[in-house]
Protein backbone atom coordinates (compact mmCIF):
# COMPACT_ATOMS: atom_id res chain seq x y z
CA PHE A 1 121.12 166.25 75.88
CA ALA A 2 121.37 169.53 77.06
CA THR A 3 125.07 168.88 78.21
CA TRP A 4 125.86 167.65 74.62
CA ILE A 5 124.49 170.63 72.85
CA THR A 6 126.36 172.93 75.10
CA SER A 7 129.43 171.13 75.04
CA THR A 8 132.78 172.84 74.19
CA GLU A 9 134.40 169.47 73.38
CA ASN A 10 132.46 169.08 70.32
CA ARG A 11 134.46 169.21 66.99
CA LEU A 12 132.00 171.88 65.84
CA TYR A 13 130.14 174.17 68.93
CA ILE A 14 126.44 173.36 68.48
CA GLY A 15 124.66 175.50 71.33
CA TRP A 16 121.35 176.39 71.78
CA PHE A 17 121.38 178.87 68.85
CA GLY A 18 122.63 176.20 66.61
CA CYS A 19 119.68 174.31 67.37
CA LEU A 20 117.88 177.25 65.56
CA MET A 21 120.66 178.04 62.95
CA ILE A 22 121.28 174.26 61.46
CA PRO A 23 117.48 173.79 60.43
CA THR A 24 117.00 177.42 58.90
CA LEU A 25 120.10 177.54 57.11
CA LEU A 26 119.68 173.89 55.71
CA THR A 27 115.82 175.02 54.44
CA ALA A 28 117.12 178.21 53.27
CA THR A 29 120.35 176.49 51.34
CA SER A 30 117.96 173.55 49.96
CA CYS A 31 115.15 175.82 48.93
CA TYR A 32 117.76 178.03 47.10
CA ILE A 33 119.51 175.39 45.28
CA ILE A 34 116.39 173.72 44.06
CA ALA A 35 114.94 177.18 43.13
CA PHE A 36 118.15 178.33 41.17
CA ILE A 37 117.89 174.97 39.09
CA ALA A 38 114.18 174.55 38.58
CA ALA A 39 111.91 177.29 39.64
CA PRO A 40 109.38 178.47 37.11
CA PRO A 41 108.99 182.32 35.90
CA VAL A 42 107.82 184.73 38.70
CA ASP A 43 105.45 187.57 38.17
CA ILE A 44 107.83 189.95 39.68
CA ASP A 45 106.42 193.29 38.85
CA GLY A 46 102.49 192.03 39.56
CA ILE A 47 101.88 192.92 35.82
CA ARG A 48 101.67 189.36 34.53
CA GLU A 49 104.85 189.23 32.76
CA PRO A 50 106.72 186.35 34.53
CA VAL A 51 110.61 186.82 34.66
CA ALA A 52 112.78 183.44 34.26
CA GLY A 53 115.61 183.09 36.77
CA SER A 54 116.42 179.37 36.98
CA LEU A 55 118.79 177.31 34.94
CA LEU A 56 116.07 175.03 33.62
CA TYR A 57 114.17 178.35 32.05
CA GLY A 58 117.37 179.40 29.86
CA ASN A 59 119.88 180.86 32.39
CA ASN A 60 123.30 180.36 33.31
CA ILE A 61 125.09 180.42 36.35
CA ILE A 62 125.65 184.41 35.48
CA SER A 63 122.45 185.42 34.64
CA GLY A 64 120.41 183.10 36.93
CA ALA A 65 118.56 184.10 40.04
CA VAL A 66 116.01 183.33 42.67
CA ILE A 67 113.48 186.02 41.67
CA PRO A 68 111.69 187.85 44.32
CA SER A 69 108.31 187.90 45.27
CA SER A 70 105.52 189.30 43.36
CA ASN A 71 104.52 193.16 43.69
CA ALA A 72 101.02 192.07 44.03
CA ILE A 73 101.92 190.37 47.42
CA GLY A 74 103.85 193.32 48.51
CA ILE A 75 105.16 192.86 51.70
CA HIS A 76 102.42 190.31 53.09
CA PHE A 77 103.81 187.13 54.62
CA TYR A 78 103.23 184.62 51.99
CA PRO A 79 104.05 180.77 53.12
CA ILE A 80 103.03 177.75 51.04
CA TRP A 81 99.85 177.52 52.83
CA GLU A 82 98.41 180.83 52.02
CA ALA A 83 98.44 180.33 48.47
CA ALA A 84 95.76 178.22 46.56
CA SER A 85 98.15 175.75 44.93
CA VAL A 86 102.16 175.33 44.90
CA GLU A 87 101.73 176.30 41.20
CA GLU A 88 100.11 179.70 42.69
CA TRP A 89 103.12 180.23 45.30
CA LEU A 90 105.68 179.40 42.74
CA TYR A 91 104.25 182.02 40.21
CA ASN A 92 104.08 184.94 42.91
CA GLY A 93 107.65 184.09 43.82
CA GLY A 94 106.91 181.95 47.23
CA PRO A 95 110.56 180.49 47.37
CA TYR A 96 112.13 184.12 47.91
CA GLN A 97 110.53 184.80 51.07
CA LEU A 98 111.25 181.28 52.05
CA ILE A 99 114.72 181.54 51.47
CA VAL A 100 115.21 185.01 52.50
CA LEU A 101 113.44 184.72 56.15
CA HIS A 102 114.96 181.50 57.09
CA PHE A 103 118.01 182.75 55.81
CA LEU A 104 118.20 185.94 57.83
CA LEU A 105 117.07 183.58 61.04
CA GLY A 106 120.07 181.36 60.31
CA VAL A 107 122.64 183.99 60.22
CA ALA A 108 121.07 185.75 63.04
CA SER A 109 121.27 182.52 65.12
CA TYR A 110 125.15 181.81 63.87
CA MET A 111 125.68 185.35 65.49
CA GLY A 112 124.13 184.39 68.69
CA ARG A 113 126.03 180.83 68.46
CA GLU A 114 129.09 182.84 68.10
CA TRP A 115 128.15 184.84 71.58
CA GLU A 116 127.14 181.61 72.98
CA LEU A 117 130.60 179.96 72.43
CA SER A 118 132.52 182.98 73.52
CA TYR A 119 130.71 182.87 76.90
CA ARG A 120 131.13 179.13 77.21
CA LEU A 121 134.78 179.64 76.74
CA GLY A 122 135.22 182.73 78.87
CA MET A 123 136.06 185.20 76.13
CA ARG A 124 134.73 188.52 75.53
CA PRO A 125 131.78 188.63 73.17
CA TRP A 126 133.86 191.01 70.21
CA ILE A 127 133.40 188.20 67.52
CA PHE A 128 129.51 188.43 68.17
CA VAL A 129 129.65 192.23 67.52
CA ALA A 130 132.10 192.37 64.66
CA PHE A 131 129.42 189.72 62.68
CA SER A 132 126.40 191.91 63.40
CA ALA A 133 127.97 194.28 60.90
CA PRO A 134 127.41 192.05 57.71
CA VAL A 135 123.85 190.66 59.40
CA ALA A 136 122.64 194.31 59.43
CA ALA A 137 124.01 194.67 55.67
CA ALA A 138 122.28 191.57 54.72
CA SER A 139 118.69 192.41 56.79
CA ALA A 140 118.82 195.85 55.09
CA VAL A 141 118.72 194.66 51.41
CA PHE A 142 116.57 191.44 52.22
CA LEU A 143 114.19 192.95 54.76
CA VAL A 144 114.14 196.78 55.83
CA TYR A 145 114.43 198.09 52.40
CA PRO A 146 111.64 196.00 50.95
CA ILE A 147 109.60 196.87 54.18
CA GLY A 148 110.52 200.40 53.38
CA GLN A 149 109.30 200.09 49.76
CA GLY A 150 106.31 198.37 50.57
CA SER A 151 107.14 194.98 48.66
CA PHE A 152 109.36 192.38 48.62
CA SER A 153 109.67 192.78 45.06
CA ASP A 154 112.03 195.43 45.59
CA GLY A 155 114.34 192.92 47.57
CA MET A 156 117.72 191.89 46.10
CA PRO A 157 117.71 189.08 43.63
CA LEU A 158 119.59 186.02 44.78
CA GLY A 159 121.74 185.69 41.91
CA ILE A 160 124.90 187.60 40.34
CA SER A 161 123.42 189.80 37.75
CA GLY A 162 120.44 190.15 40.01
CA THR A 163 122.77 191.72 42.63
CA PHE A 164 124.25 194.15 39.97
CA ASN A 165 120.83 195.01 38.69
CA PHE A 166 119.85 195.77 42.26
CA MET A 167 122.91 198.03 42.82
CA ILE A 168 122.27 199.76 39.71
CA VAL A 169 118.65 200.66 40.48
CA PHE A 170 119.48 201.44 43.95
CA GLN A 171 121.93 203.88 42.72
CA ALA A 172 119.53 205.38 39.95
CA GLU A 173 116.79 205.77 42.26
CA HIS A 174 118.57 206.80 45.81
CA ASN A 175 122.01 208.00 44.84
CA ILE A 176 122.85 205.70 47.47
CA LEU A 177 126.91 205.88 46.97
CA MET A 178 126.69 209.91 47.65
CA HIS A 179 125.04 208.96 51.24
CA PRO A 180 127.66 209.39 54.06
CA PHE A 181 126.53 206.39 56.04
CA HIS A 182 126.78 204.37 53.15
CA MET A 183 130.44 205.47 52.89
CA ALA A 184 131.60 204.84 56.41
CA GLY A 185 129.85 201.32 55.85
CA VAL A 186 132.17 200.46 52.97
CA ALA A 187 134.97 201.70 54.92
CA GLY A 188 134.16 199.87 58.06
CA VAL A 189 133.60 196.55 55.85
CA PHE A 190 136.94 196.70 54.04
CA GLY A 191 138.59 198.33 56.96
CA GLY A 192 137.41 195.62 59.38
CA SER A 193 138.40 192.86 56.51
CA LEU A 194 141.80 194.31 56.79
CA PHE A 195 142.06 194.48 60.31
CA SER A 196 140.72 190.75 60.85
CA ALA A 197 143.67 189.62 58.46
CA MET A 198 146.23 191.33 59.77
CA HIS A 199 145.35 190.56 63.62
CA GLY A 200 144.94 186.90 62.54
CA SER A 201 147.93 186.46 60.77
CA LEU A 202 149.94 188.07 63.73
CA VAL A 203 148.13 185.55 66.17
CA THR A 204 148.90 182.66 64.04
CA SER A 205 152.69 183.60 63.22
CA SER A 206 153.11 184.09 66.85
CA LEU A 207 152.17 180.54 67.96
CA ILE A 208 154.89 178.28 68.82
CA ARG A 209 154.77 174.47 68.04
CA GLU A 210 155.28 172.25 71.31
CA THR A 211 154.71 168.82 69.62
CA SER A 212 156.67 166.09 67.66
CA GLU A 213 155.78 164.79 64.23
CA ASN A 214 154.09 161.97 65.99
CA GLU A 215 151.32 164.10 67.44
CA SER A 216 148.63 166.26 66.01
CA VAL A 217 149.69 169.96 66.25
CA ASN A 218 146.47 170.75 67.26
CA TYR A 219 147.66 169.55 70.81
CA GLY A 220 150.95 171.63 70.64
CA TYR A 221 150.27 175.09 69.94
CA LYS A 222 150.53 177.59 72.96
CA PHE A 223 150.66 181.53 72.68
CA GLY A 224 154.34 182.81 72.83
């Protein structure tokens, strides 16, 4: 089993980090799809005024979202077994915590898997280092900021309009666009994207095909 898990001959590398990544991302994705379609309204502000975010409760793809957990919960860990019933768990926004925590574990494991595959192939670990930037950004809006504010209700909603609302409120309360670290972060993400595209296109265009039309091109490329 260990040999198969760590084999670089598989079409998709699994690795030990993959053993954590696959179940956590599948859990987060499954719960997100179900919640986005059918979750009942959530008492996000803790004032008994539930906010509907799912498609079945009147939203569309643009306005829909998985609503963050209730301000009454704060930053308490709120798994299903801590609630008196599933209905209570849904009303207090339990799915948000389930999705966010599994998602963060999953993308962190994906990052670890990048290092693991690089290690097996004898590569240097810079792909893993590059991916740490979006992992840090996701952790900031889903975990670090809510903890700093004292409630997961201040986390970013999982939807399109919810994301924009989060950005507008964040700017109104903190003036983040004037923060030099945010400026550097935006420049770094866009610059990194540009350099990745330039590097990838240069490497790809320098490959020389060494196979005939009767063979898979995957067998015939070498760096030239």
